[in-house]
C-alpha atoms as a PDB file:
ATOM      1  CA  MET A   1      -2.385 -32.458 -34.310  1.00  0.00           C
ATOM      2  CA  THR A   2      -3.335 -31.453 -30.793  1.00  0.00           C
ATOM      3  CA  ILE A   3      -2.274 -28.062 -29.500  1.00  0.00           C
ATOM      4  CA  PRO A   4      -0.972 -28.376 -25.914  1.00  0.00           C
ATOM      5  CA  ARG A   5      -2.981 -26.416 -23.380  1.00  0.00           C
ATOM      6  CA  ARG A   6      -1.202 -24.051 -21.130  1.00  0.00           C
ATOM      7  CA  SER A   7      -1.363 -25.370 -17.573  1.00  0.00           C
ATOM      8  CA  GLN A   8      -3.451 -23.476 -15.058  1.00  0.00           C
ATOM      9  CA  SER A   9      -0.523 -23.228 -12.662  1.00  0.00           C
ATOM     10  CA  ALA A  10       1.698 -21.675 -15.343  1.00  0.00           C
ATOM     11  CA  GLY A  11      -0.993 -19.052 -15.986  1.00  0.00           C
ATOM     12  CA  LYS A  12      -1.292 -18.330 -12.270  1.00  0.00           C
ATOM     13  CA  GLU A  13       2.487 -18.023 -11.930  1.00  0.00           C
ATOM     14  CA  ARG A  14       2.519 -15.541 -14.809  1.00  0.00           C
ATOM     15  CA  LEU A  15      -0.247 -13.518 -13.139  1.00  0.00           C
ATOM     16  CA  ILE A  16       1.662 -13.521  -9.843  1.00  0.00           C
ATOM     17  CA  GLY A  17       4.797 -12.303 -11.635  1.00  0.00           C
ATOM     18  CA  TRP A  18       2.740  -9.593 -13.335  1.00  0.00           C
ATOM     19  CA  ILE A  19       1.224  -8.463  -9.982  1.00  0.00           C
ATOM     20  CA  VAL A  20       4.682  -8.275  -8.380  1.00  0.00           C
ATOM     21  CA  GLY A  21       6.251  -6.428 -11.321  1.00  0.00           C
ATOM     22  CA  PHE A  22       3.348  -4.018 -11.668  1.00  0.00           C
ATOM     23  CA  THR A  23       3.481  -3.266  -7.945  1.00  0.00           C
ATOM     24  CA  ASP A  24       7.231  -2.692  -8.149  1.00  0.00           C
ATOM     25  CA  GLY A  25       6.619  -0.055 -10.808  1.00  0.00           C
ATOM     26  CA  GLU A  26       3.286   1.505  -9.887  1.00  0.00           C
ATOM     27  CA  GLY A  27       2.498   0.363  -6.340  1.00  0.00           C
ATOM     28  CA  CYS A  28       2.689   2.292  -3.119  1.00  0.00           C
ATOM     29  CA  PHE A  29       2.896   1.129   0.492  1.00  0.00           C
ATOM     30  CA  SER A  30       2.199   4.126   2.694  1.00  0.00           C
ATOM     31  CA  VAL A  31       1.421   4.981   6.261  1.00  0.00           C
ATOM     32  CA  SER A  32       0.086   8.421   7.072  1.00  0.00           C
ATOM     33  CA  ILE A  33      -0.328  10.035  10.444  1.00  0.00           C
ATOM     34  CA  PHE A  34      -3.058  12.650  10.563  1.00  0.00           C
ATOM     35  CA  LYS A  35      -3.956  15.090  13.264  1.00  0.00           C
ATOM     36  CA  ASN A  36      -7.429  14.023  14.444  1.00  0.00           C
ATOM     37  CA  SER A  37      -8.927  15.603  17.537  1.00  0.00           C
ATOM     38  CA  THR A  38     -11.529  12.837  17.882  1.00  0.00           C
ATOM     39  CA  THR A  39      -8.921  10.204  18.723  1.00  0.00           C
ATOM     40  CA  ARG A  40      -7.491   9.598  22.184  1.00  0.00           C
ATOM     41  CA  LEU A  41      -4.023  10.924  21.309  1.00  0.00           C
ATOM     42  CA  GLY A  42      -5.164  13.483  18.751  1.00  0.00           C
ATOM     43  CA  TRP A  43      -3.531  11.570  15.886  1.00  0.00           C
ATOM     44  CA  GLN A  44      -4.725   8.838  13.518  1.00  0.00           C
ATOM     45  CA  VAL A  45      -2.550   6.244  11.787  1.00  0.00           C
ATOM     46  CA  PHE A  46      -3.656   5.314   8.290  1.00  0.00           C
ATOM     47  CA  PRO A  47      -1.998   2.427   6.362  1.00  0.00           C
ATOM     48  CA  GLU A  48      -2.701   2.013   2.652  1.00  0.00           C
ATOM     49  CA  PHE A  49      -1.599  -0.161  -0.247  1.00  0.00           C
ATOM     50  CA  SER A  50      -2.351   1.375  -3.631  1.00  0.00           C
ATOM     51  CA  VAL A  51      -1.622   1.006  -7.320  1.00  0.00           C
ATOM     52  CA  THR A  52      -2.257   3.972  -9.630  1.00  0.00           C
ATOM     53  CA  GLN A  53      -3.042   4.017 -13.345  1.00  0.00           C
ATOM     54  CA  GLY A  54      -4.520   6.345 -15.924  1.00  0.00           C
ATOM     55  CA  GLU A  55      -8.032   5.899 -17.276  1.00  0.00           C
ATOM     56  CA  LYS A  56      -6.858   3.890 -20.290  1.00  0.00           C
ATOM     57  CA  SER A  57      -5.265   1.268 -18.047  1.00  0.00           C
ATOM     58  CA  LEU A  58      -8.170   0.917 -15.616  1.00  0.00           C
ATOM     59  CA  PRO A  59      -8.633  -2.790 -16.537  1.00  0.00           C
ATOM     60  CA  ALA A  60      -5.248  -3.501 -14.901  1.00  0.00           C
ATOM     61  CA  LEU A  61      -6.595  -2.217 -11.592  1.00  0.00           C
ATOM     62  CA  HIS A  62      -9.670  -4.427 -11.955  1.00  0.00           C
ATOM     63  CA  LYS A  63      -7.280  -7.389 -12.224  1.00  0.00           C
ATOM     64  CA  PHE A  64      -5.723  -6.406  -8.880  1.00  0.00           C
ATOM     65  CA  ARG A  65      -9.134  -6.267  -7.225  1.00  0.00           C
ATOM     66  CA  GLU A  66     -10.148  -9.628  -8.716  1.00  0.00           C
ATOM     67  CA  PHE A  67      -6.847 -11.215  -7.704  1.00  0.00           C
ATOM     68  CA  PHE A  68      -6.766 -10.010  -4.087  1.00  0.00           C
ATOM     69  CA  LYS A  69     -10.567 -10.164  -3.570  1.00  0.00           C
ATOM     70  CA  CYS A  70     -10.517  -6.992  -1.490  1.00  0.00           C
ATOM     71  CA  GLY A  71      -9.989  -3.266  -1.806  1.00  0.00           C
ATOM     72  CA  SER A  72     -11.698  -0.697  -3.955  1.00  0.00           C
ATOM     73  CA  LEU A  73     -11.152   1.429  -7.030  1.00  0.00           C
ATOM     74  CA  VAL A  74     -10.997   5.186  -6.513  1.00  0.00           C
ATOM     75  CA  ARG A  75     -11.139   7.803  -9.264  1.00  0.00           C
ATOM     76  CA  ASN A  76      -8.904  10.823  -8.854  1.00  0.00           C
ATOM     77  CA  ALA A  77     -10.258  13.457 -11.255  1.00  0.00           C
ATOM     78  CA  ARG A  78      -7.340  15.795 -10.587  1.00  0.00           C
ATOM     79  CA  LYS A  79      -5.258  15.540 -13.728  1.00  0.00           C
ATOM     80  CA  ASP A  80      -2.126  17.440 -12.682  1.00  0.00           C
ATOM     81  CA  ASN A  81       0.301  16.915 -15.548  1.00  0.00           C
ATOM     82  CA  HIS A  82      -1.587  13.839 -16.777  1.00  0.00           C
ATOM     83  CA  ARG A  83      -3.808  13.862 -19.833  1.00  0.00           C
ATOM     84  CA  GLU A  84      -6.378  11.565 -18.313  1.00  0.00           C
ATOM     85  CA  ASP A  85      -8.037  10.935 -14.983  1.00  0.00           C
ATOM     86  CA  LEU A  86      -6.083   8.741 -12.610  1.00  0.00           C
ATOM     87  CA  HIS A  87      -7.531   5.727 -10.821  1.00  0.00           C
ATOM     88  CA  ARG A  88      -6.209   3.889  -7.797  1.00  0.00           C
ATOM     89  CA  TYR A  89      -6.724   0.393  -6.499  1.00  0.00           C
ATOM     90  CA  VAL A  90      -6.575   0.843  -2.719  1.00  0.00           C
ATOM     91  CA  VAL A  91      -6.638  -1.458   0.298  1.00  0.00           C
ATOM     92  CA  ARG A  92      -6.986   0.363   3.613  1.00  0.00           C
ATOM     93  CA  SER A  93      -8.560  -2.222   5.892  1.00  0.00           C
ATOM     94  CA  VAL A  94      -6.014  -3.545   8.372  1.00  0.00           C
ATOM     95  CA  ALA A  95      -7.776  -6.934   8.256  1.00  0.00           C
ATOM     96  CA  ASP A  96      -7.546  -7.089   4.437  1.00  0.00           C
ATOM     97  CA  LEU A  97      -3.951  -5.914   4.478  1.00  0.00           C
ATOM     98  CA  GLN A  98      -3.092  -8.689   6.947  1.00  0.00           C
ATOM     99  CA  LYS A  99      -5.148 -11.392   5.237  1.00  0.00           C
ATOM    100  CA  HIS A 100      -4.460 -10.714   1.545  1.00  0.00           C
ATOM    101  CA  ILE A 101      -1.805  -8.121   0.717  1.00  0.00           C
ATOM    102  CA  ILE A 102       0.974  -8.684   3.262  1.00  0.00           C
ATOM    103  CA  PRO A 103       1.045 -12.504   3.043  1.00  0.00           C
ATOM    104  CA  PHE A 104       1.175 -12.305  -0.765  1.00  0.00           C
ATOM    105  CA  PHE A 105       4.158  -9.959  -0.805  1.00  0.00           C
ATOM    106  CA  HIS A 106       5.907 -11.996   1.910  1.00  0.00           C
ATOM    107  CA  ARG A 107       5.611 -15.054  -0.365  1.00  0.00           C
ATOM    108  CA  HIS A 108       6.421 -13.125  -3.568  1.00  0.00           C
ATOM    109  CA  ALA A 109       9.072 -10.518  -2.822  1.00  0.00           C
ATOM    110  CA  LEU A 110       9.311  -7.261  -4.715  1.00  0.00           C
ATOM    111  CA  ARG A 111      12.533  -6.793  -6.659  1.00  0.00           C
ATOM    112  CA  THR A 112      13.197  -3.098  -6.217  1.00  0.00           C
ATOM    113  CA  ALA A 113      13.923  -0.834  -3.245  1.00  0.00           C
ATOM    114  CA  LYS A 114      10.180  -0.951  -2.641  1.00  0.00           C
ATOM    115  CA  GLN A 115      10.753  -4.322  -0.890  1.00  0.00           C
ATOM    116  CA  ARG A 116      12.367  -2.511   2.049  1.00  0.00           C
ATOM    117  CA  ASP A 117       9.385  -0.163   2.286  1.00  0.00           C
ATOM    118  CA  PHE A 118       7.025  -3.137   2.139  1.00  0.00           C
ATOM    119  CA  LEU A 119       8.787  -4.801   5.088  1.00  0.00           C
ATOM    120  CA  ILE A 120       8.468  -1.621   7.152  1.00  0.00           C
ATOM    121  CA  PHE A 121       4.822  -1.327   6.075  1.00  0.00           C
ATOM    122  CA  ALA A 122       4.126  -4.940   7.136  1.00  0.00           C
ATOM    123  CA  ASP A 123       5.710  -4.274  10.543  1.00  0.00           C
ATOM    124  CA  LEU A 124       3.638  -1.105  11.002  1.00  0.00           C
ATOM    125  CA  VAL A 125       0.381  -2.828  10.055  1.00  0.00           C
ATOM    126  CA  ALA A 126       1.151  -5.541  12.634  1.00  0.00           C
ATOM    127  CA  ARG A 127       1.741  -2.858  15.275  1.00  0.00           C
ATOM    128  CA  ILE A 128      -1.533  -1.161  14.354  1.00  0.00           C
ATOM    129  CA  ALA A 129      -3.359  -4.500  14.559  1.00  0.00           C
ATOM    130  CA  ARG A 130      -1.917  -4.915  18.084  1.00  0.00           C
ATOM    131  CA  GLN A 131      -3.283  -1.418  18.813  1.00  0.00           C
ATOM    132  CA  GLU A 132       0.130  -0.037  19.732  1.00  0.00           C
ATOM    133  CA  HIS A 133      -0.898   3.276  18.146  1.00  0.00           C
ATOM    134  CA  LEU A 134      -3.375   3.831  20.969  1.00  0.00           C
ATOM    135  CA  THR A 135      -0.632   4.676  23.489  1.00  0.00           C
ATOM    136  CA  GLN A 136       1.696   7.652  23.296  1.00  0.00           C
ATOM    137  CA  ARG A 137       4.748   5.420  23.537  1.00  0.00           C
ATOM    138  CA  GLY A 138       3.439   3.192  20.728  1.00  0.00           C
ATOM    139  CA  MET A 139       2.525   6.169  18.548  1.00  0.00           C
ATOM    140  CA  ILE A 140       6.000   7.660  18.955  1.00  0.00           C
ATOM    141  CA  SER A 141       7.574   4.322  18.028  1.00  0.00           C
ATOM    142  CA  ILE A 142       5.313   3.990  14.976  1.00  0.00           C
ATOM    143  CA  ALA A 143       6.006   7.586  13.893  1.00  0.00           C
ATOM    144  CA  LYS A 144       9.755   7.015  14.098  1.00  0.00           C
ATOM    145  CA  ARG A 145       9.393   3.902  11.943  1.00  0.00           C
ATOM    146  CA  VAL A 146       7.167   5.750   9.437  1.00  0.00           C
ATOM    147  CA  ALA A 147       9.900   8.377   9.131  1.00  0.00           C
ATOM    148  CA  THR A 148      12.306   5.711   7.802  1.00  0.00           C
ATOM    149  CA  MET A 149      10.061   4.769   4.880  1.00  0.00           C
ATOM    150  CA  ASN A 150      10.370   5.645   1.245  1.00  0.00           C
ATOM    151  CA  ARG A 151      13.598   7.590   1.066  1.00  0.00           C
ATOM    152  CA  ARG A 152      12.100  10.881   2.240  1.00  0.00           C
ATOM    153  CA  LYS A 153      13.299  13.340   4.825  1.00  0.00           C
ATOM    154  CA  PRO A 154      12.099  12.356   8.290  1.00  0.00           C
ATOM    155  CA  SER A 155       9.527  14.474  10.096  1.00  0.00           C
ATOM    156  CA  ASN A 156       8.582  14.596  13.738  1.00  0.00           C
ATOM    157  CA  PHE A 157       4.814  14.252  14.096  1.00  0.00           C
ATOM    158  CA  LEU A 158       4.893  15.521  17.662  1.00  0.00           C
ATOM    159  CA  SER A 159       6.231  18.914  16.657  1.00  0.00           C
ATOM    160  CA  SER A 160       4.128  19.296  13.535  1.00  0.00           C
ATOM    161  CA  SER A 161       0.459  20.084  13.137  1.00  0.00           C
ATOM    162  CA  GLU A 162       0.532  18.868   9.537  1.00  0.00           C
ATOM    163  CA  THR A 163      -0.044  15.417   8.193  1.00  0.00           C
ATOM    164  CA  ILE A 164       3.012  13.205   7.961  1.00  0.00           C
ATOM    165  CA  ARG A 165       2.883  11.108   4.819  1.00  0.00           C
ATOM    166  CA  ARG A 166       5.534   8.697   3.685  1.00  0.00           C
ATOM    167  CA  THR A 167       4.885   7.112   0.331  1.00  0.00           C
ATOM    168  CA  SER A 168       6.907   5.263  -2.247  1.00  0.00           C
ATOM    169  CA  CYS A 169       4.821   6.569  -5.137  1.00  0.00           C
END
């Protein structure tokens, strides 16, 4: 008796479903705006896709890096209320976000409220790629859009000297 082999495409579809589900639960699409006196406007826009896991689940983050073929793994030794070190798979490069992360999640939609945040994130990364953040008008527009992300209270970056961070973590 011959045991049927699982098709390669079925395995890939399962992996895609796992990536989407894992991101829905543990992923984060964020855009931060930092005060930075070395930039033309005094502010820096910083997009990031990340997935966080404890030390014991580090192999899951390696799967993300292998799958997307970009990004890096970062260890966060601060334990807070966790019993183990946390690790993050992060993609910060606008080029990698546009080439790997955003097209994937456009093709394979998230199934939670995080989908809305992803769509805003994708729009903001496109604006950054067009260098809209290099003009005051563009930066204001981006900051207003950042303020709509991730169900948090909006902040006005122009009246604050602190970092504005909107995350769905």
